[in-house]
Amino acid sequence: MYDVTNKATFDEVPWWLKEIREHISGIPILLVGNKNDDGKQTEVLEELAQDFAEENRLYLYQASARDNVNVSEVFDNLAAMMLADKRKAEEPDESTRLYSTTDSALDVRKIYLNSQPET
């Protein structure tokens, strides 16, 4: 999160992003521009933040805690992304799925038994 009315906070985002990526993996990372309620004092243009977000594969949100704009959306979307990632990680891949069902295990056994030479 950075303060759109204070460019110094945005200038620190690359350092924070590096720290996050060095210590945590496999999570969605959101970039949130806060205090997006007073256009007169904006020091960080949305285009600059959007370019940074795209270059670094981040989700960008503009929010205002004072006006309660996009605050719950940020947390709701983060939770939804994390849940979707968790569900995806729990899905077995095709090779696991093939051999983890009882029917497939029986099929493999039948093939093995049928391929034995007769004595």
Protein backbone atom coordinates (compact mmCIF):
# COMPACT_ATOMS: atom_id res chain seq x y z
CA MET A 1 0.00 0.00 0.00
CA TYR A 2 1.18 3.46 -0.81
CA ASP A 3 -0.22 6.93 -0.24
CA VAL A 4 -1.19 8.57 -3.56
CA THR A 5 -0.57 11.97 -1.95
CA ASN A 6 3.02 11.09 -0.97
CA LYS A 7 5.32 9.90 -3.78
CA ALA A 8 7.98 8.79 -1.29
CA THR A 9 5.67 5.96 -0.19
CA PHE A 10 5.31 4.79 -3.80
CA ASP A 11 9.07 4.98 -4.28
CA GLU A 12 9.44 2.39 -1.48
CA VAL A 13 7.14 -0.14 -3.18
CA PRO A 14 9.93 -1.85 -5.21
CA TRP A 15 11.86 -2.54 -2.00
CA TRP A 16 8.77 -3.97 -0.27
CA LEU A 17 7.93 -6.06 -3.32
CA LYS A 18 11.45 -7.52 -3.34
CA GLU A 19 11.14 -8.37 0.36
CA ILE A 20 7.78 -10.07 -0.15
CA ARG A 21 8.99 -12.12 -3.10
CA GLU A 22 12.17 -13.18 -1.28
CA HIS A 23 10.34 -14.44 1.79
CA ILE A 24 6.89 -15.53 0.59
CA SER A 25 5.85 -17.38 -2.53
CA GLY A 26 2.63 -18.52 -4.06
CA ILE A 27 0.41 -15.66 -2.95
CA PRO A 28 -1.33 -12.96 -4.95
CA ILE A 29 0.21 -9.54 -4.43
CA LEU A 30 -1.95 -6.43 -4.53
CA LEU A 31 -0.76 -2.87 -4.94
CA VAL A 32 -3.15 -0.43 -3.28
CA GLY A 33 -3.04 3.32 -3.74
CA ASN A 34 -4.71 4.78 -0.64
CA LYS A 35 -6.06 8.29 0.00
CA ASN A 36 -7.56 8.38 -3.48
CA ASP A 37 -10.13 10.89 -2.26
CA ASP A 38 -8.44 14.21 -3.05
CA GLY A 39 -7.32 14.60 -6.65
CA LYS A 40 -5.75 17.99 -5.91
CA GLN A 41 -3.04 16.51 -3.70
CA THR A 42 -2.24 13.45 -5.82
CA GLU A 43 1.49 12.95 -6.30
CA VAL A 44 1.31 9.44 -7.78
CA LEU A 45 -0.66 9.28 -11.00
CA GLU A 46 -2.71 6.15 -11.55
CA GLU A 47 -0.95 5.59 -14.89
CA LEU A 48 2.42 5.37 -13.12
CA ALA A 49 1.05 2.86 -10.63
CA GLN A 50 -0.66 0.89 -13.42
CA ASP A 51 2.58 0.65 -15.40
CA PHE A 52 4.45 -0.55 -12.31
CA ALA A 53 1.72 -3.08 -11.51
CA GLU A 54 1.75 -4.49 -15.05
CA GLU A 55 5.55 -4.73 -15.15
CA ASN A 56 5.56 -6.61 -11.85
CA ARG A 57 2.42 -8.73 -12.32
CA LEU A 58 0.50 -7.07 -9.50
CA TYR A 59 -3.19 -6.35 -9.05
CA LEU A 60 -3.74 -2.59 -8.69
CA TYR A 61 -6.49 -0.97 -6.64
CA GLN A 62 -7.17 2.67 -5.89
CA ALA A 63 -8.86 3.12 -2.52
CA SER A 64 -9.98 5.67 0.02
CA ALA A 65 -10.28 4.58 3.63
CA ARG A 66 -11.83 7.95 4.51
CA ASP A 67 -14.62 7.59 1.93
CA ASN A 68 -14.72 3.78 2.20
CA VAL A 69 -14.05 3.34 -1.52
CA ASN A 70 -12.72 -0.08 -2.61
CA VAL A 71 -11.62 -0.96 0.93
CA SER A 72 -13.78 -4.06 1.30
CA GLU A 73 -13.26 -4.91 -2.39
CA VAL A 74 -9.50 -5.13 -1.85
CA PHE A 75 -9.87 -7.61 1.00
CA ASP A 76 -12.72 -9.53 -0.63
CA ASN A 77 -10.78 -9.95 -3.87
CA LEU A 78 -7.59 -10.93 -2.05
CA ALA A 79 -9.46 -13.58 -0.07
CA ALA A 80 -11.13 -14.87 -3.26
CA MET A 81 -7.77 -15.06 -5.07
CA MET A 82 -6.14 -16.92 -2.19
CA LEU A 83 -9.05 -19.36 -1.98
CA ALA A 84 -8.94 -19.98 -5.74
CA ASP A 85 -5.18 -20.58 -5.56
CA LYS A 86 -5.66 -23.00 -2.65
CA ARG A 87 -8.34 -24.93 -4.51
CA LYS A 88 -6.22 -25.09 -7.63
CA ALA A 89 -3.25 -26.37 -5.64
CA GLU A 90 -5.41 -29.09 -4.10
CA GLU A 91 -6.60 -30.38 -7.49
CA PRO A 92 -4.68 -33.46 -8.54
CA ASP A 93 -2.96 -33.26 -11.87
CA GLU A 94 -3.92 -35.64 -14.67
CA SER A 95 -1.31 -38.29 -13.82
CA THR A 96 -2.36 -38.39 -10.17
CA ARG A 97 -6.02 -38.44 -11.03
CA LEU A 98 -5.55 -41.39 -13.39
CA TYR A 99 -4.00 -43.66 -10.78
CA SER A 100 -5.77 -42.47 -7.67
CA THR A 101 -9.25 -43.80 -8.46
CA THR A 102 -10.31 -47.32 -7.60
CA ASP A 103 -11.51 -48.00 -11.13
CA SER A 104 -8.18 -47.03 -12.64
CA ALA A 105 -6.30 -49.10 -10.12
CA LEU A 106 -8.45 -52.09 -11.05
CA ASP A 107 -7.93 -51.43 -14.73
CA VAL A 108 -4.17 -51.34 -14.27
CA ARG A 109 -4.33 -54.57 -12.28
CA LYS A 110 -6.47 -56.27 -14.93
CA ILE A 111 -4.06 -55.25 -17.65
CA TYR A 112 -1.15 -56.57 -15.61
CA LEU A 113 -2.86 -59.88 -14.88
CA ASN A 114 -3.98 -60.32 -18.47
CA SER A 115 -0.51 -59.68 -19.80
CA GLN A 116 1.08 -62.51 -17.83
CA PRO A 117 2.19 -65.42 -20.02
CA GLU A 118 0.10 -68.53 -19.66
CA THR A 119 1.86 -71.52 -18.16
